[in-house]
N, C-alpha and C. Protein backbone atom coordinates (compact mmCIF):
# COMPACT_ATOMS: atom_id res chain seq x y z
N UNK A 1 0.89 -1.19 0.09
CA UNK A 1 -0.18 -0.10 -0.49
C UNK A 1 0.66 1.19 -0.20
N UNK A 2 0.62 1.80 -0.45
CA UNK A 2 0.97 3.61 -1.01
C UNK A 2 0.55 4.45 -0.30
N UNK A 3 1.81 5.11 0.70
CA UNK A 3 0.58 6.21 1.11
C UNK A 3 0.94 7.64 0.62
N UNK A 4 0.35 8.25 0.89
CA UNK A 4 1.09 9.74 0.56
C UNK A 4 1.39 10.57 2.04
N UNK A 5 2.60 10.65 1.83
CA UNK A 5 2.82 11.75 3.23
C UNK A 5 3.54 12.54 2.56
N UNK A 6 3.21 13.90 4.06
CA UNK A 6 3.31 14.89 3.80
C UNK A 6 4.56 15.48 5.02
N UNK A 7 5.14 16.42 4.93
CA UNK A 7 6.14 17.38 6.07
C UNK A 7 5.75 18.94 5.65
N UNK A 8 5.25 19.28 6.36
CA UNK A 8 5.19 20.85 6.22
C UNK A 8 5.50 21.92 7.70
N UNK A 9 6.31 22.55 6.68
CA UNK A 9 7.21 23.81 7.63
C UNK A 9 7.58 24.92 7.36
N UNK A 10 7.60 25.61 7.91
CA UNK A 10 8.32 27.25 7.98
C UNK A 10 9.64 27.63 7.79
N UNK A 11 10.12 27.93 6.98
CA UNK A 11 11.65 29.02 6.95
C UNK A 11 11.82 29.40 8.35
N UNK A 12 12.75 28.73 8.95
CA UNK A 12 13.82 28.83 9.83
C UNK A 12 13.08 27.94 11.63
N UNK A 13 12.44 27.14 10.81
CA UNK A 13 11.80 26.03 12.12
C UNK A 13 13.10 25.46 12.54
N UNK A 14 13.42 25.72 13.67
CA UNK A 14 14.34 25.06 14.07
C UNK A 14 14.38 23.23 14.00
N UNK A 15 12.71 22.99 14.13
CA UNK A 15 13.47 21.48 14.69
C UNK A 15 12.57 20.46 12.75
N UNK A 16 12.44 21.28 11.68
CA UNK A 16 12.60 20.93 10.39
C UNK A 16 13.39 19.53 10.17
N UNK A 17 14.59 19.73 10.31
CA UNK A 17 15.81 19.13 9.67
C UNK A 17 15.81 17.52 10.52
N UNK A 18 15.37 17.47 11.58
CA UNK A 18 15.21 16.53 12.52
C UNK A 18 14.22 15.85 12.35
N UNK A 19 12.72 16.44 12.03
CA UNK A 19 11.50 16.50 11.81
C UNK A 19 12.22 15.49 10.80
N UNK A 20 12.80 15.52 9.38
CA UNK A 20 12.77 15.00 8.09
C UNK A 20 13.78 13.42 8.53
N UNK A 21 14.55 14.12 9.26
CA UNK A 21 15.83 12.74 9.29
C UNK A 21 14.53 11.93 9.88
N UNK A 22 14.37 12.33 11.33
CA UNK A 22 13.41 11.01 11.72
C UNK A 22 12.24 10.49 10.63
N UNK A 23 11.53 11.05 9.77
CA UNK A 23 10.28 10.63 8.92
C UNK A 23 11.15 9.71 8.15
N UNK A 24 12.72 10.03 7.55
CA UNK A 24 13.09 9.62 6.61
C UNK A 24 13.43 8.33 7.40
N UNK A 25 14.03 8.13 8.44
CA UNK A 25 13.76 7.08 9.31
C UNK A 25 13.36 5.64 9.69
N UNK A 26 11.96 6.48 9.47
CA UNK A 26 10.90 5.21 10.08
C UNK A 26 10.53 4.87 8.85
N UNK A 27 10.32 5.88 8.00
CA UNK A 27 10.09 5.23 6.09
C UNK A 27 10.56 4.65 5.56
N UNK A 28 12.33 4.20 5.75
CA UNK A 28 13.34 3.30 5.63
C UNK A 28 13.16 2.01 6.09
N UNK A 29 12.03 2.05 7.29
CA UNK A 29 12.12 0.79 8.39
C UNK A 29 10.48 0.41 7.43
N UNK A 30 9.83 0.68 7.81
CA UNK A 30 8.21 1.19 7.73
C UNK A 30 7.50 0.92 5.91
N UNK A 31 8.52 1.75 5.49
CA UNK A 31 7.56 1.76 4.24
C UNK A 31 8.23 2.30 3.55
N UNK A 32 9.49 1.22 2.86
CA UNK A 32 10.62 1.85 1.87
C UNK A 32 9.68 2.60 1.01
N UNK A 33 10.89 3.38 0.25
CA UNK A 33 10.53 3.94 -1.53
C UNK A 33 9.18 5.04 -1.17
N UNK A 34 8.44 5.13 -0.05
CA UNK A 34 7.33 6.07 0.18
C UNK A 34 8.03 7.30 0.15
N UNK A 35 7.82 7.95 -1.08
CA UNK A 35 8.06 9.82 -0.96
C UNK A 35 7.68 10.78 0.10
N UNK A 36 7.91 11.95 -0.13
CA UNK A 36 7.30 12.99 1.15
C UNK A 36 7.28 14.26 0.02
N UNK A 37 6.20 14.41 0.51
CA UNK A 37 5.94 15.88 0.10
C UNK A 37 6.34 16.69 1.23
N UNK A 38 7.49 17.64 0.52
CA UNK A 38 7.78 18.45 1.81
C UNK A 38 6.89 19.90 1.02
N UNK A 39 6.44 20.31 1.98
CA UNK A 39 5.34 21.53 1.76
C UNK A 39 5.84 23.14 2.71
N UNK A 40 6.18 23.81 1.90
CA UNK A 40 7.14 24.98 2.98
C UNK A 40 5.66 25.59 2.69
N UNK A 41 5.14 25.96 4.56
CA UNK A 41 3.96 26.51 5.00
C UNK A 41 4.22 27.86 5.03
N UNK A 42 5.56 28.55 4.87
CA UNK A 42 5.76 30.00 5.65
C UNK A 42 4.82 30.73 4.98
N UNK A 43 4.48 30.86 3.98
CA UNK A 43 3.53 31.33 3.24
C UNK A 43 2.07 32.17 4.18
N UNK A 44 1.05 32.75 5.07
CA UNK A 44 0.10 32.89 5.52
C UNK A 44 -1.04 32.72 4.81
N UNK A 45 -1.08 32.71 3.20
CA UNK A 45 -1.73 32.33 2.32
C UNK A 45 -1.99 30.46 2.30
N UNK A 46 -0.99 30.04 2.30
CA UNK A 46 -0.58 28.44 2.33
C UNK A 46 -0.46 27.67 3.36
N UNK A 47 -0.46 28.59 4.20
CA UNK A 47 -0.32 27.86 6.04
C UNK A 47 -2.22 27.98 5.68
N UNK A 48 -2.99 28.84 5.97
CA UNK A 48 -4.49 28.79 6.10
C UNK A 48 -4.77 27.61 5.11
N UNK A 49 -4.19 27.81 3.80
CA UNK A 49 -5.21 27.12 3.09
C UNK A 49 -5.49 25.77 2.83
N UNK A 50 -3.60 25.16 3.91
CA UNK A 50 -3.28 23.69 4.37
C UNK A 50 -4.15 23.85 5.82
N UNK A 51 -4.54 24.27 6.08
CA UNK A 51 -4.96 24.44 7.58
C UNK A 51 -3.71 23.82 8.60
N UNK A 52 -2.80 24.49 8.48
CA UNK A 52 -1.51 24.40 8.71
C UNK A 52 -0.79 24.83 10.57
N UNK A 53 -1.39 23.44 11.18
CA UNK A 53 -1.15 24.08 12.67
C UNK A 53 0.16 24.24 13.22
N UNK A 54 1.10 24.18 12.32
CA UNK A 54 2.65 24.78 12.85
C UNK A 54 3.89 23.90 12.61
N UNK A 55 4.89 23.99 12.67
CA UNK A 55 5.97 23.04 12.24
C UNK A 55 7.20 22.93 13.15
N UNK A 56 6.92 21.98 12.87
CA UNK A 56 6.96 20.53 11.85
C UNK A 56 5.50 19.99 12.08
N UNK A 57 4.59 19.88 11.26
CA UNK A 57 3.32 19.03 11.08
C UNK A 57 4.06 18.20 10.20
N UNK A 58 3.68 16.58 10.39
CA UNK A 58 3.65 15.33 9.13
C UNK A 58 2.25 14.71 9.46
N UNK A 59 1.91 14.37 8.13
CA UNK A 59 0.56 14.00 7.55
C UNK A 59 0.71 12.38 7.11
N UNK A 60 -0.32 11.76 7.19
CA UNK A 60 -0.23 10.81 6.20
C UNK A 60 -1.24 10.40 5.80
N UNK A 61 -1.51 10.11 4.69
CA UNK A 61 -3.12 10.20 4.35
C UNK A 61 -3.77 10.98 4.26
N UNK A 62 -3.02 12.52 4.81
CA UNK A 62 -3.70 13.68 4.80
C UNK A 62 -4.48 13.67 6.68
N UNK A 63 -3.63 12.85 7.09
CA UNK A 63 -4.09 12.51 8.67
C UNK A 63 -2.92 12.91 9.80
N UNK A 64 -3.14 14.06 10.27
CA UNK A 64 -1.70 13.93 11.55
C UNK A 64 -1.60 13.15 12.04
N UNK A 65 -0.36 12.57 12.18
CA UNK A 65 0.31 11.57 13.05
C UNK A 65 -0.07 11.84 14.77
N UNK A 66 -0.14 13.25 14.99
CA UNK A 66 -0.36 13.08 16.46
C UNK A 66 -1.87 12.28 16.89
N UNK A 67 -2.14 11.04 17.32
CA UNK A 67 -3.49 10.48 17.26
C UNK A 67 -4.29 11.21 18.28
N UNK A 68 -3.83 12.56 19.21
CA UNK A 68 -4.15 13.28 20.09
C UNK A 68 -4.79 14.77 19.57
N UNK A 69 -4.54 14.72 18.11
CA UNK A 69 -4.21 16.41 16.79
C UNK A 69 -6.08 17.03 17.43
N UNK A 70 -5.82 18.23 17.57
CA UNK A 70 -7.18 19.01 17.32
C UNK A 70 -6.77 20.11 16.49
N UNK A 71 -7.41 20.59 15.63
CA UNK A 71 -7.44 21.34 14.96
C UNK A 71 -7.46 22.39 15.84
N UNK A 72 -6.73 23.34 15.38
CA UNK A 72 -6.44 24.90 16.55
C UNK A 72 -7.59 25.79 15.86
N UNK A 73 -7.57 25.65 15.18
CA UNK A 73 -8.86 26.10 14.09
C UNK A 73 -7.60 28.08 13.72
N UNK A 74 -6.22 28.04 13.48
CA UNK A 74 -5.90 29.42 13.55
C UNK A 74 -4.32 28.82 12.82
N UNK A 75 -4.28 28.60 11.59
CA UNK A 75 -2.94 28.55 10.58
C UNK A 75 -1.67 29.18 9.87
N UNK A 76 -1.39 29.91 11.26
CA UNK A 76 -0.38 30.66 10.54
C UNK A 76 0.86 29.92 10.80
N UNK A 77 2.04 30.51 10.38
CA UNK A 77 2.93 29.63 10.55
C UNK A 77 3.66 30.30 11.23
N UNK A 78 4.19 29.09 12.39
CA UNK A 78 4.49 29.35 14.02
C UNK A 78 5.44 27.61 14.30
N UNK A 79 6.10 27.79 15.06
CA UNK A 79 6.48 26.16 15.46
C UNK A 79 5.46 25.16 16.55
N UNK A 80 5.42 24.12 16.39
CA UNK A 80 4.32 23.78 17.19
C UNK A 80 5.09 22.57 18.40
N UNK A 81 3.88 22.54 18.92
CA UNK A 81 4.32 21.55 20.19
C UNK A 81 3.60 20.37 20.48
N UNK A 82 4.25 19.17 20.65
CA UNK A 82 3.53 17.87 20.53
C UNK A 82 3.13 17.57 22.06
N UNK A 83 2.12 17.23 22.76
CA UNK A 83 2.06 16.54 23.72
C UNK A 83 2.53 15.18 23.78
N UNK A 84 3.50 15.01 24.15
CA UNK A 84 4.09 13.43 23.89
C UNK A 84 4.14 12.64 25.20
N UNK A 85 4.35 11.15 25.31
CA UNK A 85 4.66 10.82 26.38
C UNK A 85 5.71 11.01 27.71
N UNK A 86 6.50 11.91 27.20
CA UNK A 86 7.33 12.24 27.63
C UNK A 86 7.45 13.88 28.37
N UNK A 87 6.47 14.53 27.99
CA UNK A 87 6.42 16.15 27.75
C UNK A 87 6.28 16.54 26.71
N UNK A 88 6.08 17.81 26.88
CA UNK A 88 5.98 18.70 25.11
C UNK A 88 7.23 18.65 24.23
N UNK A 89 6.84 18.44 23.43
CA UNK A 89 8.25 18.48 22.55
C UNK A 89 7.94 19.02 20.83
N UNK A 90 9.40 19.87 20.19
CA UNK A 90 8.54 20.18 18.89
C UNK A 90 8.65 19.12 17.88
N UNK A 91 8.90 18.00 18.46
CA UNK A 91 8.89 16.85 16.75
C UNK A 91 7.64 15.37 17.89
N UNK A 92 6.83 15.07 16.82
CA UNK A 92 5.91 14.15 17.48
C UNK A 92 6.72 13.03 17.70
N UNK A 93 5.56 11.96 18.27
CA UNK A 93 6.58 10.59 18.76
C UNK A 93 7.28 9.84 17.52
N UNK A 94 8.13 9.22 17.53
CA UNK A 94 8.72 8.44 16.50
C UNK A 94 7.52 7.39 15.80
N UNK A 95 6.73 7.08 17.40
CA UNK A 95 6.28 5.84 16.89
C UNK A 95 4.13 6.73 16.41
N UNK A 96 4.13 7.13 16.36
CA UNK A 96 3.18 8.18 15.58
C UNK A 96 3.15 7.83 14.29
N UNK A 97 4.44 7.93 13.94
CA UNK A 97 4.58 8.14 12.35
C UNK A 97 4.70 6.14 12.49
N UNK A 98 5.38 5.89 12.93
CA UNK A 98 5.18 4.44 12.46
C UNK A 98 3.25 4.10 12.47
N UNK A 99 3.12 4.17 13.75
CA UNK A 99 1.73 3.56 13.06
C UNK A 99 0.77 4.10 12.16
N UNK A 100 0.83 5.50 11.86
CA UNK A 100 0.38 6.13 10.57
C UNK A 100 0.59 5.50 9.54
N UNK A 101 2.47 4.98 9.61
CA UNK A 101 2.03 4.20 8.10
C UNK A 101 2.14 2.76 8.17
N UNK A 102 1.80 2.69 9.10
CA UNK A 102 1.43 0.62 8.87
C UNK A 102 -0.35 0.43 9.12
N UNK A 103 -1.04 1.91 9.63
CA UNK A 103 -2.23 1.59 9.09
C UNK A 103 -2.84 1.51 7.95
């Protein structure tokens, strides 16, 4: 099964490179060959059109990998924090990406 994977970010996001690296590692292990569509949401109009909740955001088949994600209703280029099992972090849990690619 082929998935559509998107990595949304804005210029200057300190967590974008780490998110890209983690995503590539997970794809290599779970879904080799799956392409990643990089989406620069620096432009507020693009951020709004894509319902961008902050950087970095990873979506698999159009669904945010964060299982507790609630649409904030505000879509401006900004940093994103994730509520993980170890507290607030600037990256999603690796397990969330794995689960999304396996579903």
